[in-house]
């Protein structure tokens, strides 16, 4: 079973890397980009067979280690 985790900065949190990407895109001639927010993507291979238990375990991993929940949001997708 595979878990896919998307971690992004919460709305209202300054994203200097996103601003740098936005500026670079404009410099390369890509028009029509209003804003860029960057984040992290993590894949974890799990041995759990229970999808609900796996999702709860991965959420706990995010809350304790993978995401800084003060400034970041996360979403979990379980395949398998």
PDB file of N, CA and C in Angstrom:
ATOM      1  N   UNK A   1       0.854  -1.169   0.000  1.00  0.00           N
ATOM      2  CA  UNK A   1       0.000   0.000   0.000  1.00  0.00           C
ATOM      3  C   UNK A   1       0.904   1.238   0.000  1.00  0.00           C
ATOM      4  N   UNK A   2       0.551   2.227  -0.806  1.00  0.00           N
ATOM      5  CA  UNK A   2       1.369   3.424  -0.937  1.00  0.00           C
ATOM      6  C   UNK A   2       0.594   4.644  -0.447  1.00  0.00           C
ATOM      7  N   UNK A   3       1.291   5.466   0.330  1.00  0.00           N
ATOM      8  CA  UNK A   3       0.725   6.730   0.794  1.00  0.00           C
ATOM      9  C   UNK A   3       1.407   7.865   0.043  1.00  0.00           C
ATOM     10  N   UNK A   4       0.601   8.801  -0.436  1.00  0.00           N
ATOM     11  CA  UNK A   4       1.114  10.003  -1.088  1.00  0.00           C
ATOM     12  C   UNK A   4       0.701  11.198  -0.230  1.00  0.00           C
ATOM     13  N   UNK A   5       1.681  12.005   0.120  1.00  0.00           N
ATOM     14  CA  UNK A   5       1.452  13.126   1.026  1.00  0.00           C
ATOM     15  C   UNK A   5       1.846  14.420   0.319  1.00  0.00           C
ATOM     16  N   UNK A   6       0.936  15.374   0.313  1.00  0.00           N
ATOM     17  CA  UNK A   6       1.202  16.703  -0.231  1.00  0.00           C
ATOM     18  C   UNK A   6       1.229  17.675   0.947  1.00  0.00           C
ATOM     19  N   UNK A   7       2.317  18.419   1.064  1.00  0.00           N
ATOM     20  CA  UNK A   7       2.472  19.383   2.150  1.00  0.00           C
ATOM     21  C   UNK A   7       2.670  20.758   1.524  1.00  0.00           C
ATOM     22  N   UNK A   8       1.845  21.714   1.942  1.00  0.00           N
ATOM     23  CA  UNK A   8       1.929  23.075   1.422  1.00  0.00           C
ATOM     24  C   UNK A   8       1.852  24.066   2.571  1.00  0.00           C
ATOM     25  N   UNK A   9       2.377  25.257   2.331  1.00  0.00           N
ATOM     26  CA  UNK A   9       2.264  26.309   3.327  1.00  0.00           C
ATOM     27  C   UNK A   9       0.806  26.742   3.437  1.00  0.00           C
ATOM     28  N   UNK A  10       0.395  27.066   4.648  1.00  0.00           N
ATOM     29  CA  UNK A  10      -0.975  27.550   4.858  1.00  0.00           C
ATOM     30  C   UNK A  10      -1.147  28.893   4.167  1.00  0.00           C
ATOM     31  N   UNK A  11      -2.391  29.191   3.795  1.00  0.00           N
ATOM     32  CA  UNK A  11      -2.700  30.495   3.216  1.00  0.00           C
ATOM     33  C   UNK A  11      -2.316  31.579   4.207  1.00  0.00           C
ATOM     34  N   UNK A  12      -1.713  32.630   3.716  1.00  0.00           N
ATOM     35  CA  UNK A  12      -1.292  33.730   4.576  1.00  0.00           C
ATOM     36  C   UNK A  12       0.146  33.612   5.045  1.00  0.00           C
ATOM     37  N   UNK A  13       0.766  32.443   4.869  1.00  0.00           N
ATOM     38  CA  UNK A  13       2.171  32.270   5.238  1.00  0.00           C
ATOM     39  C   UNK A  13       3.024  32.668   4.037  1.00  0.00           C
ATOM     40  N   UNK A  14       3.986  33.546   4.264  1.00  0.00           N
ATOM     41  CA  UNK A  14       4.861  34.021   3.202  1.00  0.00           C
ATOM     42  C   UNK A  14       5.612  32.848   2.583  1.00  0.00           C
ATOM     43  N   UNK A  15       5.661  32.803   1.251  1.00  0.00           N
ATOM     44  CA  UNK A  15       6.317  31.727   0.517  1.00  0.00           C
ATOM     45  C   UNK A  15       7.395  32.322  -0.391  1.00  0.00           C
ATOM     46  N   UNK A  16       8.602  32.602   0.159  1.00  0.00           N
ATOM     47  CA  UNK A  16       9.638  33.233  -0.653  1.00  0.00           C
ATOM     48  C   UNK A  16      10.098  32.369  -1.829  1.00  0.00           C
ATOM     49  N   UNK A  17      10.107  31.053  -1.671  1.00  0.00           N
ATOM     50  CA  UNK A  17      10.509  30.186  -2.786  1.00  0.00           C
ATOM     51  C   UNK A  17       9.461  30.254  -3.903  1.00  0.00           C
ATOM     52  N   UNK A  18       8.183  30.281  -3.533  1.00  0.00           N
ATOM     53  CA  UNK A  18       7.133  30.437  -4.531  1.00  0.00           C
ATOM     54  C   UNK A  18       7.258  31.760  -5.274  1.00  0.00           C
ATOM     55  N   UNK A  19       7.594  32.831  -4.540  1.00  0.00           N
ATOM     56  CA  UNK A  19       7.787  34.144  -5.179  1.00  0.00           C
ATOM     57  C   UNK A  19       8.967  34.105  -6.141  1.00  0.00           C
ATOM     58  N   UNK A  20      10.057  33.418  -5.756  1.00  0.00           N
ATOM     59  CA  UNK A  20      11.225  33.323  -6.633  1.00  0.00           C
ATOM     60  C   UNK A  20      10.881  32.544  -7.902  1.00  0.00           C
ATOM     61  N   UNK A  21      10.111  31.466  -7.765  1.00  0.00           N
ATOM     62  CA  UNK A  21       9.677  30.692  -8.932  1.00  0.00           C
ATOM     63  C   UNK A  21       8.814  31.559  -9.844  1.00  0.00           C
ATOM     64  N   UNK A  22       7.882  32.300  -9.232  1.00  0.00           N
ATOM     65  CA  UNK A  22       7.004  33.187  -9.998  1.00  0.00           C
ATOM     66  C   UNK A  22       7.821  34.209 -10.780  1.00  0.00           C
ATOM     67  N   UNK A  23       8.779  34.824 -10.109  1.00  0.00           N
ATOM     68  CA  UNK A  23       9.628  35.821 -10.756  1.00  0.00           C
ATOM     69  C   UNK A  23      10.410  35.193 -11.917  1.00  0.00           C
ATOM     70  N   UNK A  24      10.936  33.998 -11.718  1.00  0.00           N
ATOM     71  CA  UNK A  24      11.696  33.316 -12.771  1.00  0.00           C
ATOM     72  C   UNK A  24      10.815  32.964 -13.960  1.00  0.00           C
ATOM     73  N   UNK A  25       9.598  32.521 -13.684  1.00  0.00           N
ATOM     74  CA  UNK A  25       8.671  32.203 -14.775  1.00  0.00           C
ATOM     75  C   UNK A  25       8.375  33.442 -15.617  1.00  0.00           C
ATOM     76  N   UNK A  26       8.155  34.581 -14.925  1.00  0.00           N
ATOM     77  CA  UNK A  26       7.927  35.828 -15.655  1.00  0.00           C
ATOM     78  C   UNK A  26       9.148  36.183 -16.489  1.00  0.00           C
ATOM     79  N   UNK A  27      10.347  35.998 -15.928  1.00  0.00           N
ATOM     80  CA  UNK A  27      11.581  36.299 -16.643  1.00  0.00           C
ATOM     81  C   UNK A  27      11.778  35.431 -17.876  1.00  0.00           C
ATOM     82  N   UNK A  28      11.231  34.233 -17.835  1.00  0.00           N
ATOM     83  CA  UNK A  28      11.320  33.327 -18.980  1.00  0.00           C
ATOM     84  C   UNK A  28      10.220  33.569 -20.013  1.00  0.00           C
ATOM     85  N   UNK A  29       9.348  34.536 -19.722  1.00  0.00           N
ATOM     86  CA  UNK A  29       8.321  34.897 -20.683  1.00  0.00           C
ATOM     87  C   UNK A  29       6.989  34.193 -20.500  1.00  0.00           C
ATOM     88  N   UNK A  30       6.802  33.504 -19.390  1.00  0.00           N
ATOM     89  CA  UNK A  30       5.513  32.849 -19.131  1.00  0.00           C
ATOM     90  C   UNK A  30       4.560  33.862 -18.519  1.00  0.00           C
ATOM     91  N   UNK A  31       3.627  34.329 -19.337  1.00  0.00           N
ATOM     92  CA  UNK A  31       2.648  35.317 -18.892  1.00  0.00           C
ATOM     93  C   UNK A  31       1.425  34.615 -18.311  1.00  0.00           C
ATOM     94  N   UNK A  32       0.651  35.345 -17.539  1.00  0.00           N
ATOM     95  CA  UNK A  32      -0.611  34.836 -17.035  1.00  0.00           C
ATOM     96  C   UNK A  32      -0.487  34.013 -15.762  1.00  0.00           C
ATOM     97  N   UNK A  33       0.684  33.992 -15.139  1.00  0.00           N
ATOM     98  CA  UNK A  33       0.848  33.286 -13.860  1.00  0.00           C
ATOM     99  C   UNK A  33       0.651  34.318 -12.757  1.00  0.00           C
ATOM    100  N   UNK A  34      -0.422  34.168 -11.991  1.00  0.00           N
ATOM    101  CA  UNK A  34      -0.737  35.144 -10.949  1.00  0.00           C
ATOM    102  C   UNK A  34       0.037  34.908  -9.662  1.00  0.00           C
ATOM    103  N   UNK A  35       0.221  33.650  -9.279  1.00  0.00           N
ATOM    104  CA  UNK A  35       0.855  33.345  -8.007  1.00  0.00           C
ATOM    105  C   UNK A  35       1.415  31.928  -8.066  1.00  0.00           C
ATOM    106  N   UNK A  36       2.457  31.671  -7.309  1.00  0.00           N
ATOM    107  CA  UNK A  36       3.040  30.334  -7.218  1.00  0.00           C
ATOM    108  C   UNK A  36       3.219  30.002  -5.746  1.00  0.00           C
ATOM    109  N   UNK A  37       2.770  28.831  -5.353  1.00  0.00           N
ATOM    110  CA  UNK A  37       2.992  28.308  -4.003  1.00  0.00           C
ATOM    111  C   UNK A  37       3.709  26.978  -4.176  1.00  0.00           C
ATOM    112  N   UNK A  38       4.808  26.788  -3.503  1.00  0.00           N
ATOM    113  CA  UNK A  38       5.545  25.542  -3.621  1.00  0.00           C
ATOM    114  C   UNK A  38       5.328  24.714  -2.371  1.00  0.00           C
ATOM    115  N   UNK A  39       5.598  23.421  -2.475  1.00  0.00           N
ATOM    116  CA  UNK A  39       5.401  22.535  -1.342  1.00  0.00           C
ATOM    117  C   UNK A  39       6.276  21.303  -1.456  1.00  0.00           C
ATOM    118  N   UNK A  40       5.886  20.275  -0.717  1.00  0.00           N
ATOM    119  CA  UNK A  40       6.628  19.015  -0.710  1.00  0.00           C
ATOM    120  C   UNK A  40       5.678  17.876  -1.076  1.00  0.00           C
ATOM    121  N   UNK A  41       6.249  16.847  -1.686  1.00  0.00           N
ATOM    122  CA  UNK A  41       5.518  15.635  -2.018  1.00  0.00           C
ATOM    123  C   UNK A  41       6.320  14.462  -1.479  1.00  0.00           C
ATOM    124  N   UNK A  42       5.684  13.609  -0.694  1.00  0.00           N
ATOM    125  CA  UNK A  42       6.354  12.464  -0.077  1.00  0.00           C
ATOM    126  C   UNK A  42       5.550  11.212  -0.380  1.00  0.00           C
ATOM    127  N   UNK A  43       6.239  10.128  -0.784  1.00  0.00           N
ATOM    128  CA  UNK A  43       5.607   8.820  -0.956  1.00  0.00           C
ATOM    129  C   UNK A  43       6.174   7.871   0.085  1.00  0.00           C
ATOM    130  N   UNK A  44       5.285   7.121   0.708  1.00  0.00           N
ATOM    131  CA  UNK A  44       5.681   6.132   1.713  1.00  0.00           C
ATOM    132  C   UNK A  44       5.032   4.802   1.357  1.00  0.00           C
ATOM    133  N   UNK A  45       5.824   3.750   1.309  1.00  0.00           N
ATOM    134  CA  UNK A  45       5.311   2.395   1.082  1.00  0.00           C
ATOM    135  C   UNK A  45       4.993   1.784   2.441  1.00  0.00           C
ATOM    136  N   UNK A  46       3.756   1.319   2.602  1.00  0.00           N
ATOM    137  CA  UNK A  46       3.284   0.774   3.880  1.00  0.00           C
ATOM    138  C   UNK A  46       2.974  -0.707   3.750  1.00  0.00           C
ATOM    139  N   UNK A  47       3.090  -1.419   4.849  1.00  0.00           N
ATOM    140  CA  UNK A  47       2.728  -2.836   4.870  1.00  0.00           C
ATOM    141  C   UNK A  47       1.303  -3.049   5.367  1.00  0.00           C
ATOM    142  N   UNK A  48       0.682  -2.002   5.902  1.00  0.00           N
ATOM    143  CA  UNK A  48      -0.693  -2.115   6.406  1.00  0.00           C
ATOM    144  C   UNK A  48      -1.647  -2.559   5.309  1.00  0.00           C
ATOM    145  N   UNK A  49      -2.595  -3.401   5.659  1.00  0.00           N
ATOM    146  CA  UNK A  49      -3.614  -3.828   4.718  1.00  0.00           C
ATOM    147  C   UNK A  49      -4.912  -3.062   4.877  1.00  0.00           C
ATOM    148  N   UNK A  50      -5.060  -2.360   5.985  1.00  0.00           N
ATOM    149  CA  UNK A  50      -6.274  -1.614   6.300  1.00  0.00           C
ATOM    150  C   UNK A  50      -6.088  -0.154   5.882  1.00  0.00           C
ATOM    151  N   UNK A  51      -6.853   0.263   4.880  1.00  0.00           N
ATOM    152  CA  UNK A  51      -6.706   1.611   4.325  1.00  0.00           C
ATOM    153  C   UNK A  51      -6.996   2.694   5.360  1.00  0.00           C
ATOM    154  N   UNK A  52      -8.019   2.509   6.176  1.00  0.00           N
ATOM    155  CA  UNK A  52      -8.390   3.510   7.187  1.00  0.00           C
ATOM    156  C   UNK A  52      -7.282   3.633   8.239  1.00  0.00           C
ATOM    157  N   UNK A  53      -6.751   2.488   8.690  1.00  0.00           N
ATOM    158  CA  UNK A  53      -5.667   2.507   9.676  1.00  0.00           C
ATOM    159  C   UNK A  53      -4.408   3.138   9.086  1.00  0.00           C
ATOM    160  N   UNK A  54      -4.132   2.832   7.834  1.00  0.00           N
ATOM    161  CA  UNK A  54      -2.956   3.398   7.172  1.00  0.00           C
ATOM    162  C   UNK A  54      -3.071   4.913   7.066  1.00  0.00           C
ATOM    163  N   UNK A  55      -4.240   5.397   6.706  1.00  0.00           N
ATOM    164  CA  UNK A  55      -4.442   6.843   6.597  1.00  0.00           C
ATOM    165  C   UNK A  55      -4.251   7.518   7.950  1.00  0.00           C
ATOM    166  N   UNK A  56      -4.753   6.919   9.009  1.00  0.00           N
ATOM    167  CA  UNK A  56      -4.592   7.473  10.356  1.00  0.00           C
ATOM    168  C   UNK A  56      -3.118   7.478  10.765  1.00  0.00           C
ATOM    169  N   UNK A  57      -2.404   6.399  10.435  1.00  0.00           N
ATOM    170  CA  UNK A  57      -0.979   6.311  10.780  1.00  0.00           C
ATOM    171  C   UNK A  57      -0.175   7.371  10.046  1.00  0.00           C
ATOM    172  N   UNK A  58      -0.455   7.571   8.765  1.00  0.00           N
ATOM    173  CA  UNK A  58       0.277   8.560   7.982  1.00  0.00           C
ATOM    174  C   UNK A  58      -0.049   9.973   8.463  1.00  0.00           C
ATOM    175  N   UNK A  59      -1.284  10.226   8.820  1.00  0.00           N
ATOM    176  CA  UNK A  59      -1.652  11.538   9.369  1.00  0.00           C
ATOM    177  C   UNK A  59      -0.880  11.808  10.652  1.00  0.00           C
ATOM    178  N   UNK A  60      -0.718  10.793  11.482  1.00  0.00           N
ATOM    179  CA  UNK A  60       0.057  10.941  12.715  1.00  0.00           C
ATOM    180  C   UNK A  60       1.531  11.217  12.390  1.00  0.00           C
ATOM    181  N   UNK A  61       2.062  10.551  11.362  1.00  0.00           N
ATOM    182  CA  UNK A  61       3.439  10.809  10.925  1.00  0.00           C
ATOM    183  C   UNK A  61       3.600  12.268  10.516  1.00  0.00           C
ATOM    184  N   UNK A  62       2.615  12.779   9.793  1.00  0.00           N
ATOM    185  CA  UNK A  62       2.658  14.171   9.340  1.00  0.00           C
ATOM    186  C   UNK A  62       2.623  15.130  10.523  1.00  0.00           C
ATOM    187  N   UNK A  63       1.752  14.856  11.457  1.00  0.00           N
ATOM    188  CA  UNK A  63       1.606  15.744  12.607  1.00  0.00           C
ATOM    189  C   UNK A  63       2.838  15.732  13.505  1.00  0.00           C
ATOM    190  N   UNK A  64       3.528  14.591  13.592  1.00  0.00           N
ATOM    191  CA  UNK A  64       4.668  14.488  14.495  1.00  0.00           C
ATOM    192  C   UNK A  64       6.007  14.828  13.835  1.00  0.00           C
ATOM    193  N   UNK A  65       6.134  14.619  12.512  1.00  0.00           N
ATOM    194  CA  UNK A  65       7.442  14.778  11.882  1.00  0.00           C
ATOM    195  C   UNK A  65       7.420  15.446  10.509  1.00  0.00           C
ATOM    196  N   UNK A  66       6.588  14.978   9.626  1.00  0.00           N
ATOM    197  CA  UNK A  66       6.706  15.347   8.218  1.00  0.00           C
ATOM    198  C   UNK A  66       6.261  16.772   7.898  1.00  0.00           C
ATOM    199  N   UNK A  67       5.283  17.279   8.618  1.00  0.00           N
ATOM    200  CA  UNK A  67       4.769  18.630   8.360  1.00  0.00           C
ATOM    201  C   UNK A  67       4.896  19.487   9.614  1.00  0.00           C
ATOM    202  N   UNK A  68       5.181  20.749   9.418  1.00  0.00           N
ATOM    203  CA  UNK A  68       5.152  21.716  10.513  1.00  0.00           C
ATOM    204  C   UNK A  68       3.733  22.276  10.535  1.00  0.00           C
ATOM    205  N   UNK A  69       2.881  21.694  11.357  1.00  0.00           N
ATOM    206  CA  UNK A  69       1.450  22.016  11.309  1.00  0.00           C
ATOM    207  C   UNK A  69       1.115  23.434  11.765  1.00  0.00           C
ATOM    208  N   UNK A  70       2.101  24.155  12.290  1.00  0.00           N
ATOM    209  CA  UNK A  70       1.868  25.555  12.630  1.00  0.00           C
ATOM    210  C   UNK A  70       1.744  26.384  11.354  1.00  0.00           C
ATOM    211  N   UNK A  71       2.561  26.051  10.342  1.00  0.00           N
ATOM    212  CA  UNK A  71       2.571  26.853   9.112  1.00  0.00           C
ATOM    213  C   UNK A  71       2.237  26.053   7.864  1.00  0.00           C
ATOM    214  N   UNK A  72       2.080  24.723   7.988  1.00  0.00           N
ATOM    215  CA  UNK A  72       1.835  23.893   6.811  1.00  0.00           C
ATOM    216  C   UNK A  72       0.555  23.081   6.949  1.00  0.00           C
ATOM    217  N   UNK A  73      -0.100  22.874   5.809  1.00  0.00           N
ATOM    218  CA  UNK A  73      -1.233  21.944   5.698  1.00  0.00           C
ATOM    219  C   UNK A  73      -0.742  20.702   4.984  1.00  0.00           C
ATOM    220  N   UNK A  74      -1.425  19.593   5.193  1.00  0.00           N
ATOM    221  CA  UNK A  74      -1.073  18.369   4.471  1.00  0.00           C
ATOM    222  C   UNK A  74      -2.330  17.628   4.077  1.00  0.00           C
ATOM    223  N   UNK A  75      -2.190  16.845   3.001  1.00  0.00           N
ATOM    224  CA  UNK A  75      -3.269  15.945   2.601  1.00  0.00           C
ATOM    225  C   UNK A  75      -2.644  14.587   2.313  1.00  0.00           C
ATOM    226  N   UNK A  76      -3.411  13.522   2.602  1.00  0.00           N
ATOM    227  CA  UNK A  76      -2.919  12.170   2.472  1.00  0.00           C
ATOM    228  C   UNK A  76      -3.817  11.419   1.499  1.00  0.00           C
ATOM    229  N   UNK A  77      -3.203  10.681   0.586  1.00  0.00           N
ATOM    230  CA  UNK A  77      -3.912   9.823  -0.359  1.00  0.00           C
ATOM    231  C   UNK A  77      -3.310   8.436  -0.231  1.00  0.00           C
ATOM    232  N   UNK A  78      -4.176   7.429  -0.007  1.00  0.00           N
ATOM    233  CA  UNK A  78      -3.719   6.049   0.132  1.00  0.00           C
ATOM    234  C   UNK A  78      -4.159   5.261  -1.100  1.00  0.00           C
ATOM    235  N   UNK A  79      -3.211   4.552  -1.737  1.00  0.00           N
ATOM    236  CA  UNK A  79      -3.496   3.669  -2.864  1.00  0.00           C
ATOM    237  C   UNK A  79      -3.295   2.233  -2.418  1.00  0.00           C
ATOM    238  N   UNK A  80      -4.162   1.376  -2.874  1.00  0.00           N
ATOM    239  CA  UNK A  80      -3.992  -0.044  -2.566  1.00  0.00           C
ATOM    240  C   UNK A  80      -5.080  -0.497  -1.719  1.00  0.00           C
TER     241      UNK A  80
END
